[in-house]
Amino acid sequence: MRNTTAPRSPDRTKPPRRFVHPAATTARAALFDVDQTLVQAKTMVEFWRFWTIQWLADRTPEEADLPIRSLLALPREEANLGYYRLFRGVAPEELAAAGRAWFADFMTGDDTLLPGTLLELLRHRARGDRIVLVSGSMHACLDPLARLLAADVLCTEQEVGADGRFTGHLDRSVVGPGRLRTVRAALGAWGIEGAHCSAYADHETDLELLHAVGDPVVVGDDPVLRAVAEDRGWRRLPGAMSRPRAAAPARV
């Protein structure tokens, strides 16, 4: 049974003050992976804990971590699909409300956003670049962050059934090959060439995306990305610091 004391009040769920997005002066975009590139945490893991422990209040922290640990043993794309099956039968508006509450709580931390990446984002916004969040995470997690940063979102799209609830399947995945395909389709619709884009990412699975832009930037110490960056002279930024309360997170 849902905990009726879960944070739902307008004051708790009101998103932080958003930045103003100036009109772009040229057709440029800055593409930001989110988890451990722009934010310290794994949004999907953190949201799942909030959803089960605080919003639904139906599991202990240990019980909430069990499905995530099971996903760790799977390849990344399978883990991503398995994660969204956990929300089968949930109404989109319910998940969105929980996402707003989670984000309000999440942003109370003093180490939420990676300073180096945030400074780059602000630099791009100041010159009128289109800011785009690219993630395998979902709208419930990313839309509040996008409102804060005046950004567009390219993320996983969950399938909604005839009953108006999530089926546990996906209309679009933004991991693996689906990520570059999604980005290219969006840039084409916006009339932006990849050569005029910057991209920021932290994991070797983002290598194709980094190769597809004119200004690739590696965040953190992924050994594959670090080697390519050193060979090609790509810029690098500091990555996420370890978060003591989180178990080794899956790239879901």
C-alpha atoms as a PDB file:
ATOM      1  CA  MET A   1       0.000   0.000   0.000  1.00  0.00           C
ATOM      2  CA  ARG A   2       1.290   3.450  -0.856  1.00  0.00           C
ATOM      3  CA  ASN A   3       2.539   5.536   2.020  1.00  0.00           C
ATOM      4  CA  THR A   4       0.249   8.568   2.086  1.00  0.00           C
ATOM      5  CA  THR A   5       2.953  10.523   3.871  1.00  0.00           C
ATOM      6  CA  ALA A   6       5.298  10.260   0.872  1.00  0.00           C
ATOM      7  CA  PRO A   7       6.474  13.697  -0.294  1.00  0.00           C
ATOM      8  CA  ARG A   8       3.768  14.889  -2.651  1.00  0.00           C
ATOM      9  CA  SER A   9       2.976  18.445  -1.602  1.00  0.00           C
ATOM     10  CA  PRO A  10       3.345  21.196  -4.192  1.00  0.00           C
ATOM     11  CA  ASP A  11       6.172  22.746  -2.197  1.00  0.00           C
ATOM     12  CA  ARG A  12       8.175  19.490  -2.119  1.00  0.00           C
ATOM     13  CA  THR A  13       7.680  18.636  -5.750  1.00  0.00           C
ATOM     14  CA  LYS A  14       8.131  22.103  -7.205  1.00  0.00           C
ATOM     15  CA  PRO A  15      11.229  21.996  -9.447  1.00  0.00           C
ATOM     16  CA  PRO A  16      14.136  24.336  -8.682  1.00  0.00           C
ATOM     17  CA  ARG A  17      14.320  27.636 -10.478  1.00  0.00           C
ATOM     18  CA  ARG A  18      15.245  26.956 -14.083  1.00  0.00           C
ATOM     19  CA  PHE A  19      17.875  28.695 -16.140  1.00  0.00           C
ATOM     20  CA  VAL A  20      16.787  30.910 -19.015  1.00  0.00           C
ATOM     21  CA  HIS A  21      17.711  29.460 -22.402  1.00  0.00           C
ATOM     22  CA  PRO A  22      18.799  32.228 -24.800  1.00  0.00           C
ATOM     23  CA  ALA A  23      17.912  31.918 -28.446  1.00  0.00           C
ATOM     24  CA  ALA A  24      20.563  29.965 -30.320  1.00  0.00           C
ATOM     25  CA  THR A  25      22.552  32.092 -32.756  1.00  0.00           C
ATOM     26  CA  THR A  26      24.006  29.187 -34.747  1.00  0.00           C
ATOM     27  CA  ALA A  27      23.002  25.587 -35.367  1.00  0.00           C
ATOM     28  CA  ARG A  28      25.073  23.995 -32.606  1.00  0.00           C
ATOM     29  CA  ALA A  29      24.274  21.538 -29.861  1.00  0.00           C
ATOM     30  CA  ALA A  30      25.965  20.230 -26.734  1.00  0.00           C
ATOM     31  CA  LEU A  31      25.039  16.624 -25.952  1.00  0.00           C
ATOM     32  CA  PHE A  32      25.397  15.481 -22.347  1.00  0.00           C
ATOM     33  CA  ASP A  33      25.208  11.947 -21.081  1.00  0.00           C
ATOM     34  CA  VAL A  34      23.681  12.220 -17.608  1.00  0.00           C
ATOM     35  CA  ASP A  35      24.650   9.508 -15.140  1.00  0.00           C
ATOM     36  CA  GLN A  36      28.185  10.059 -13.831  1.00  0.00           C
ATOM     37  CA  THR A  37      28.787  12.589 -16.608  1.00  0.00           C
ATOM     38  CA  LEU A  38      26.554  15.467 -15.554  1.00  0.00           C
ATOM     39  CA  VAL A  39      25.331  14.118 -12.222  1.00  0.00           C
ATOM     40  CA  GLN A  40      27.294  12.145  -9.662  1.00  0.00           C
ATOM     41  CA  ALA A  41      24.763   9.356  -9.257  1.00  0.00           C
ATOM     42  CA  LYS A  42      23.050   6.711 -11.336  1.00  0.00           C
ATOM     43  CA  THR A  43      19.622   8.302 -11.636  1.00  0.00           C
ATOM     44  CA  MET A  44      17.763   5.054 -12.288  1.00  0.00           C
ATOM     45  CA  VAL A  45      19.279   3.337  -9.259  1.00  0.00           C
ATOM     46  CA  GLU A  46      18.675   6.325  -6.991  1.00  0.00           C
ATOM     47  CA  PHE A  47      15.113   6.759  -8.244  1.00  0.00           C
ATOM     48  CA  TRP A  48      14.292   3.074  -7.745  1.00  0.00           C
ATOM     49  CA  ARG A  49      15.359   3.323  -4.102  1.00  0.00           C
ATOM     50  CA  PHE A  50      13.233   6.444  -3.629  1.00  0.00           C
ATOM     51  CA  TRP A  51      10.280   4.884  -5.419  1.00  0.00           C
ATOM     52  CA  THR A  52      10.247   1.703  -3.344  1.00  0.00           C
ATOM     53  CA  ILE A  53      11.508   2.909   0.030  1.00  0.00           C
ATOM     54  CA  GLN A  54       9.902   6.359   0.285  1.00  0.00           C
ATOM     55  CA  TRP A  55       7.163   6.753  -2.315  1.00  0.00           C
ATOM     56  CA  LEU A  56       5.529   3.330  -2.140  1.00  0.00           C
ATOM     57  CA  ALA A  57       7.083   2.550   1.245  1.00  0.00           C
ATOM     58  CA  ASP A  58       6.732  -1.169   0.558  1.00  0.00           C
ATOM     59  CA  ARG A  59      10.360  -2.343   0.881  1.00  0.00           C
ATOM     60  CA  THR A  60      13.335  -2.046   3.156  1.00  0.00           C
ATOM     61  CA  PRO A  61      16.572  -0.678   1.666  1.00  0.00           C
ATOM     62  CA  GLU A  62      17.914  -4.230   1.465  1.00  0.00           C
ATOM     63  CA  GLU A  63      14.812  -5.450  -0.355  1.00  0.00           C
ATOM     64  CA  ALA A  64      14.905  -2.490  -2.732  1.00  0.00           C
ATOM     65  CA  ASP A  65      18.477  -3.298  -3.755  1.00  0.00           C
ATOM     66  CA  LEU A  66      17.770  -6.934  -4.679  1.00  0.00           C
ATOM     67  CA  PRO A  67      16.389  -6.287  -8.203  1.00  0.00           C
ATOM     68  CA  ILE A  68      19.244  -3.883  -8.957  1.00  0.00           C
ATOM     69  CA  ARG A  69      21.821  -6.447  -7.899  1.00  0.00           C
ATOM     70  CA  SER A  70      20.214  -9.002 -10.191  1.00  0.00           C
ATOM     71  CA  LEU A  71      20.474  -6.575 -13.094  1.00  0.00           C
ATOM     72  CA  LEU A  72      24.205  -6.171 -12.465  1.00  0.00           C
ATOM     73  CA  ALA A  73      24.826  -9.656 -13.824  1.00  0.00           C
ATOM     74  CA  LEU A  74      23.210  -8.841 -17.183  1.00  0.00           C
ATOM     75  CA  PRO A  75      24.660  -7.149 -20.279  1.00  0.00           C
ATOM     76  CA  ARG A  76      23.888  -3.460 -20.348  1.00  0.00           C
ATOM     77  CA  GLU A  77      21.015  -3.535 -22.853  1.00  0.00           C
ATOM     78  CA  GLU A  78      19.350  -6.484 -21.105  1.00  0.00           C
ATOM     79  CA  ALA A  79      19.731  -4.740 -17.760  1.00  0.00           C
ATOM     80  CA  ASN A  80      18.064  -1.652 -19.183  1.00  0.00           C
ATOM     81  CA  LEU A  81      15.098  -3.665 -20.452  1.00  0.00           C
ATOM     82  CA  GLY A  82      14.831  -5.491 -17.134  1.00  0.00           C
ATOM     83  CA  TYR A  83      14.770  -2.221 -15.213  1.00  0.00           C
ATOM     84  CA  TYR A  84      11.715  -0.928 -17.068  1.00  0.00           C
ATOM     85  CA  ARG A  85       9.835  -4.171 -16.525  1.00  0.00           C
ATOM     86  CA  LEU A  86       9.879  -3.233 -12.834  1.00  0.00           C
ATOM     87  CA  PHE A  87       7.409  -0.420 -13.617  1.00  0.00           C
ATOM     88  CA  ARG A  88       4.825  -2.527 -15.453  1.00  0.00           C
ATOM     89  CA  GLY A  89       1.319  -1.446 -14.456  1.00  0.00           C
ATOM     90  CA  VAL A  90       2.359   1.990 -13.159  1.00  0.00           C
ATOM     91  CA  ALA A  91       0.506   5.052 -14.483  1.00  0.00           C
ATOM     92  CA  PRO A  92       2.752   7.611 -16.232  1.00  0.00           C
ATOM     93  CA  GLU A  93       1.400  10.481 -14.127  1.00  0.00           C
ATOM     94  CA  GLU A  94       2.206   8.529 -10.960  1.00  0.00           C
ATOM     95  CA  LEU A  95       5.798   7.970 -12.043  1.00  0.00           C
ATOM     96  CA  ALA A  96       6.158  11.608 -13.106  1.00  0.00           C
ATOM     97  CA  ALA A  97       4.921  12.831  -9.710  1.00  0.00           C
ATOM     98  CA  ALA A  98       7.362  10.528  -7.948  1.00  0.00           C
ATOM     99  CA  GLY A  99      10.124  11.796 -10.238  1.00  0.00           C
ATOM    100  CA  ARG A 100       9.466  15.397  -9.269  1.00  0.00           C
ATOM    101  CA  ALA A 101       9.496  14.492  -5.586  1.00  0.00           C
ATOM    102  CA  TRP A 102      12.664  12.438  -5.994  1.00  0.00           C
ATOM    103  CA  PHE A 103      14.443  15.241  -7.834  1.00  0.00           C
ATOM    104  CA  ALA A 104      13.524  17.830  -5.209  1.00  0.00           C
ATOM    105  CA  ASP A 105      15.033  15.550  -2.577  1.00  0.00           C
ATOM    106  CA  PHE A 106      18.005  14.619  -4.781  1.00  0.00           C
ATOM    107  CA  MET A 107      18.968  18.245  -5.373  1.00  0.00           C
ATOM    108  CA  THR A 108      19.286  18.949  -1.636  1.00  0.00           C
ATOM    109  CA  GLY A 109      22.684  17.216  -1.741  1.00  0.00           C
ATOM    110  CA  ASP A 110      25.778  19.361  -2.102  1.00  0.00           C
ATOM    111  CA  ASP A 111      27.501  17.054  -4.598  1.00  0.00           C
ATOM    112  CA  THR A 112      24.687  16.343  -7.044  1.00  0.00           C
ATOM    113  CA  LEU A 113      26.126  17.829 -10.246  1.00  0.00           C
ATOM    114  CA  LEU A 114      29.699  17.423 -11.468  1.00  0.00           C
ATOM    115  CA  PRO A 115      31.213  20.928 -11.308  1.00  0.00           C
ATOM    116  CA  GLY A 116      33.432  20.618 -14.377  1.00  0.00           C
ATOM    117  CA  THR A 117      30.660  19.338 -16.613  1.00  0.00           C
ATOM    118  CA  LEU A 118      28.183  21.895 -15.290  1.00  0.00           C
ATOM    119  CA  LEU A 119      30.596  24.713 -16.101  1.00  0.00           C
ATOM    120  CA  GLU A 120      30.870  23.387 -19.645  1.00  0.00           C
ATOM    121  CA  LEU A 121      27.084  23.265 -19.930  1.00  0.00           C
ATOM    122  CA  LEU A 122      26.796  26.863 -18.753  1.00  0.00           C
ATOM    123  CA  ARG A 123      29.446  27.910 -21.279  1.00  0.00           C
ATOM    124  CA  HIS A 124      27.524  26.244 -24.107  1.00  0.00           C
ATOM    125  CA  ARG A 125      24.254  27.812 -22.994  1.00  0.00           C
ATOM    126  CA  ALA A 126      25.821  31.263 -22.775  1.00  0.00           C
ATOM    127  CA  ARG A 127      26.851  31.131 -26.426  1.00  0.00           C
ATOM    128  CA  GLY A 128      23.413  29.932 -27.509  1.00  0.00           C
ATOM    129  CA  ASP A 129      24.073  26.218 -28.100  1.00  0.00           C
ATOM    130  CA  ARG A 130      21.173  23.817 -27.811  1.00  0.00           C
ATOM    131  CA  ILE A 131      21.568  21.790 -24.599  1.00  0.00           C
ATOM    132  CA  VAL A 132      20.534  18.142 -24.928  1.00  0.00           C
ATOM    133  CA  LEU A 133      20.465  15.432 -22.250  1.00  0.00           C
ATOM    134  CA  VAL A 134      21.060  11.988 -23.757  1.00  0.00           C
ATOM    135  CA  SER A 135      20.375   9.041 -21.466  1.00  0.00           C
ATOM    136  CA  GLY A 136      19.052   5.518 -21.097  1.00  0.00           C
ATOM    137  CA  SER A 137      17.193   6.838 -18.063  1.00  0.00           C
ATOM    138  CA  MET A 138      13.540   7.874 -18.200  1.00  0.00           C
ATOM    139  CA  HIS A 139      11.456  11.033 -18.306  1.00  0.00           C
ATOM    140  CA  ALA A 140      10.469  10.734 -14.634  1.00  0.00           C
ATOM    141  CA  CYS A 141      14.134  11.164 -13.687  1.00  0.00           C
ATOM    142  CA  LEU A 142      15.267  13.515 -16.436  1.00  0.00           C
ATOM    143  CA  ASP A 143      12.438  15.974 -17.062  1.00  0.00           C
ATOM    144  CA  PRO A 144      12.942  17.826 -13.743  1.00  0.00           C
ATOM    145  CA  LEU A 145      16.659  18.161 -14.498  1.00  0.00           C
ATOM    146  CA  ALA A 146      15.881  19.316 -18.037  1.00  0.00           C
ATOM    147  CA  ARG A 147      13.539  22.011 -16.706  1.00  0.00           C
ATOM    148  CA  LEU A 148      16.280  23.217 -14.382  1.00  0.00           C
ATOM    149  CA  LEU A 149      18.872  23.380 -17.151  1.00  0.00           C
ATOM    150  CA  ALA A 150      16.550  24.468 -19.997  1.00  0.00           C
ATOM    151  CA  ALA A 151      17.569  21.370 -21.925  1.00  0.00           C
ATOM    152  CA  ASP A 152      16.001  19.004 -24.424  1.00  0.00           C
ATOM    153  CA  VAL A 153      15.773  15.326 -23.484  1.00  0.00           C
ATOM    154  CA  LEU A 154      16.557  12.277 -25.608  1.00  0.00           C
ATOM    155  CA  CYS A 155      15.840   9.320 -23.349  1.00  0.00           C
ATOM    156  CA  THR A 156      14.107   5.968 -23.063  1.00  0.00           C
ATOM    157  CA  GLU A 157      10.432   6.051 -24.009  1.00  0.00           C
ATOM    158  CA  GLN A 158       8.275   3.567 -22.096  1.00  0.00           C
ATOM    159  CA  GLU A 159       5.367   1.897 -23.873  1.00  0.00           C
ATOM    160  CA  VAL A 160       1.904   2.757 -22.587  1.00  0.00           C
ATOM    161  CA  GLY A 161      -0.868   0.195 -22.989  1.00  0.00           C
ATOM    162  CA  ALA A 162      -4.550   0.620 -23.800  1.00  0.00           C
ATOM    163  CA  ASP A 163      -5.256   0.938 -20.073  1.00  0.00           C
ATOM    164  CA  GLY A 164      -3.036   4.029 -19.870  1.00  0.00           C
ATOM    165  CA  ARG A 165      -0.351   2.283 -17.832  1.00  0.00           C
ATOM    166  CA  PHE A 166       3.200   1.234 -18.626  1.00  0.00           C
ATOM    167  CA  THR A 167       3.436  -2.230 -20.174  1.00  0.00           C
ATOM    168  CA  GLY A 168       7.011  -2.878 -19.069  1.00  0.00           C
ATOM    169  CA  HIS A 169       8.169  -2.674 -22.697  1.00  0.00           C
ATOM    170  CA  LEU A 170       9.832   0.202 -24.525  1.00  0.00           C
ATOM    171  CA  ASP A 171       8.896   2.349 -27.485  1.00  0.00           C
ATOM    172  CA  ARG A 172      12.500   3.554 -27.700  1.00  0.00           C
ATOM    173  CA  SER A 173      15.761   2.549 -26.064  1.00  0.00           C
ATOM    174  CA  VAL A 174      18.643   5.020 -25.850  1.00  0.00           C
ATOM    175  CA  VAL A 175      21.348   2.521 -24.962  1.00  0.00           C
ATOM    176  CA  GLY A 176      23.533   0.604 -27.374  1.00  0.00           C
ATOM    177  CA  PRO A 177      22.877   1.276 -31.077  1.00  0.00           C
ATOM    178  CA  GLY A 178      19.677   3.115 -30.183  1.00  0.00           C
ATOM    179  CA  ARG A 179      21.606   5.999 -28.662  1.00  0.00           C
ATOM    180  CA  LEU A 180      23.419   7.191 -31.777  1.00  0.00           C
ATOM    181  CA  ARG A 181      20.347   6.505 -33.931  1.00  0.00           C
ATOM    182  CA  THR A 182      18.201   8.647 -31.630  1.00  0.00           C
ATOM    183  CA  VAL A 183      20.748  11.472 -31.558  1.00  0.00           C
ATOM    184  CA  ARG A 184      21.170  11.523 -35.338  1.00  0.00           C
ATOM    185  CA  ALA A 185      17.411  11.621 -35.888  1.00  0.00           C
ATOM    186  CA  ALA A 186      17.027  14.532 -33.474  1.00  0.00           C
ATOM    187  CA  LEU A 187      19.921  16.512 -34.935  1.00  0.00           C
ATOM    188  CA  GLY A 188      18.480  15.996 -38.411  1.00  0.00           C
ATOM    189  CA  ALA A 189      15.092  17.298 -37.269  1.00  0.00           C
ATOM    190  CA  TRP A 190      16.768  20.331 -35.697  1.00  0.00           C
ATOM    191  CA  GLY A 191      18.957  21.004 -38.733  1.00  0.00           C
ATOM    192  CA  ILE A 192      22.206  20.573 -36.779  1.00  0.00           C
ATOM    193  CA  GLU A 193      25.276  18.784 -38.127  1.00  0.00           C
ATOM    194  CA  GLY A 194      27.250  16.453 -35.875  1.00  0.00           C
ATOM    195  CA  ALA A 195      30.438  18.325 -36.766  1.00  0.00           C
ATOM    196  CA  HIS A 196      28.951  21.391 -35.029  1.00  0.00           C
ATOM    197  CA  CYS A 197      28.214  19.499 -31.810  1.00  0.00           C
ATOM    198  CA  SER A 198      30.023  18.789 -28.582  1.00  0.00           C
ATOM    199  CA  ALA A 199      29.387  15.562 -26.670  1.00  0.00           C
ATOM    200  CA  TYR A 200      30.247  14.665 -23.070  1.00  0.00           C
ATOM    201  CA  ALA A 201      30.272  11.036 -21.905  1.00  0.00           C
ATOM    202  CA  ASP A 202      31.904   8.755 -19.352  1.00  0.00           C
ATOM    203  CA  HIS A 203      31.596   5.170 -20.613  1.00  0.00           C
ATOM    204  CA  GLU A 204      33.116   3.155 -23.451  1.00  0.00           C
ATOM    205  CA  THR A 205      29.644   2.414 -24.823  1.00  0.00           C
ATOM    206  CA  ASP A 206      29.438   6.117 -25.724  1.00  0.00           C
ATOM    207  CA  LEU A 207      32.428   5.911 -28.050  1.00  0.00           C
ATOM    208  CA  GLU A 208      30.324   5.956 -31.229  1.00  0.00           C
ATOM    209  CA  LEU A 209      28.575   9.107 -30.057  1.00  0.00           C
ATOM    210  CA  LEU A 210      31.880  10.810 -29.276  1.00  0.00           C
ATOM    211  CA  HIS A 211      33.234   9.902 -32.717  1.00  0.00           C
ATOM    212  CA  ALA A 212      30.113  11.395 -34.336  1.00  0.00           C
ATOM    213  CA  VAL A 213      30.685  14.972 -33.126  1.00  0.00           C
ATOM    214  CA  GLY A 214      33.254  17.665 -33.790  1.00  0.00           C
ATOM    215  CA  ASP A 215      34.097  18.273 -30.122  1.00  0.00           C
ATOM    216  CA  PRO A 216      34.170  15.030 -28.082  1.00  0.00           C
ATOM    217  CA  VAL A 217      34.869  15.322 -24.346  1.00  0.00           C
ATOM    218  CA  VAL A 218      35.610  12.377 -22.050  1.00  0.00           C
ATOM    219  CA  VAL A 219      34.418  12.631 -18.455  1.00  0.00           C
ATOM    220  CA  GLY A 220      36.119  10.439 -15.859  1.00  0.00           C
ATOM    221  CA  ASP A 221      38.602   7.602 -16.115  1.00  0.00           C
ATOM    222  CA  ASP A 222      37.026   4.902 -18.256  1.00  0.00           C
ATOM    223  CA  PRO A 223      40.160   3.115 -19.573  1.00  0.00           C
ATOM    224  CA  VAL A 224      38.866   2.713 -23.123  1.00  0.00           C
ATOM    225  CA  LEU A 225      37.789   6.347 -23.442  1.00  0.00           C
ATOM    226  CA  ARG A 226      40.959   7.562 -21.747  1.00  0.00           C
ATOM    227  CA  ALA A 227      43.136   5.700 -24.258  1.00  0.00           C
ATOM    228  CA  VAL A 228      41.190   7.058 -27.240  1.00  0.00           C
ATOM    229  CA  ALA A 229      41.255  10.584 -25.799  1.00  0.00           C
ATOM    230  CA  GLU A 230      45.019  10.440 -25.345  1.00  0.00           C
ATOM    231  CA  ASP A 231      45.505   9.101 -28.877  1.00  0.00           C
ATOM    232  CA  ARG A 232      43.237  11.671 -30.539  1.00  0.00           C
ATOM    233  CA  GLY A 233      43.828  14.660 -28.287  1.00  0.00           C
ATOM    234  CA  TRP A 234      40.258  14.837 -26.991  1.00  0.00           C
ATOM    235  CA  ARG A 235      39.527  16.972 -23.971  1.00  0.00           C
ATOM    236  CA  ARG A 236      38.961  15.302 -20.608  1.00  0.00           C
ATOM    237  CA  LEU A 237      37.082  16.345 -17.464  1.00  0.00           C
ATOM    238  CA  PRO A 238      37.064  14.934 -13.919  1.00  0.00           C
ATOM    239  CA  GLY A 239      34.492  12.220 -13.342  1.00  0.00           C
ATOM    240  CA  ALA A 240      32.139  11.273 -10.556  1.00  0.00           C
ATOM    241  CA  MET A 241      33.385  10.583  -7.073  1.00  0.00           C
ATOM    242  CA  SER A 242      32.299   7.403  -5.353  1.00  0.00           C
ATOM    243  CA  ARG A 243      29.064   7.636  -3.381  1.00  0.00           C
ATOM    244  CA  PRO A 244      29.511   5.620  -0.165  1.00  0.00           C
ATOM    245  CA  ARG A 245      25.916   4.420   0.192  1.00  0.00           C
ATOM    246  CA  ALA A 246      25.598   3.047  -3.325  1.00  0.00           C
ATOM    247  CA  ALA A 247      26.563  -0.477  -4.279  1.00  0.00           C
ATOM    248  CA  ALA A 248      28.494  -0.952  -7.521  1.00  0.00           C
ATOM    249  CA  PRO A 249      25.902   0.444  -9.943  1.00  0.00           C
ATOM    250  CA  ALA A 250      24.715  -1.145 -13.158  1.00  0.00           C
ATOM    251  CA  ARG A 251      24.765   0.771 -16.438  1.00  0.00           C
ATOM    252  CA  VAL A 252      21.066   0.242 -16.925  1.00  0.00           C
END
